[in-house]
């Protein structure tokens, strides 16, 4: 389903008029992120890759996902000349719950 938003088109994933078997997603208790240092150690940002669906941040909740993103991180490092770090965040805190 596509919806117009102030930021452009939004694709809602997992909404179907037909019944379907819902995939069970595990709870996310930690997160890995590929990060580039811009001008110094206090100037970092999560890197992303442009896909046919838009920008995808290089983050994952398990090592299988991280391994699948690693070639993209290596390409970004090679093409930009920047050092890319893989960071692991282990503290979970719910900040806000947004519902319909």
Foldseek 3Di string as FASTA:
>chain_A
DWDQDPVGIDDDPPDDPDDDDDDDDDDQQKKKFKKWADPDPVRIDFDWDQDPVGTDTQMDRDVVSNVVCVVVSVVCCVVVVTDIDIDMGRHDDDDDDDDD
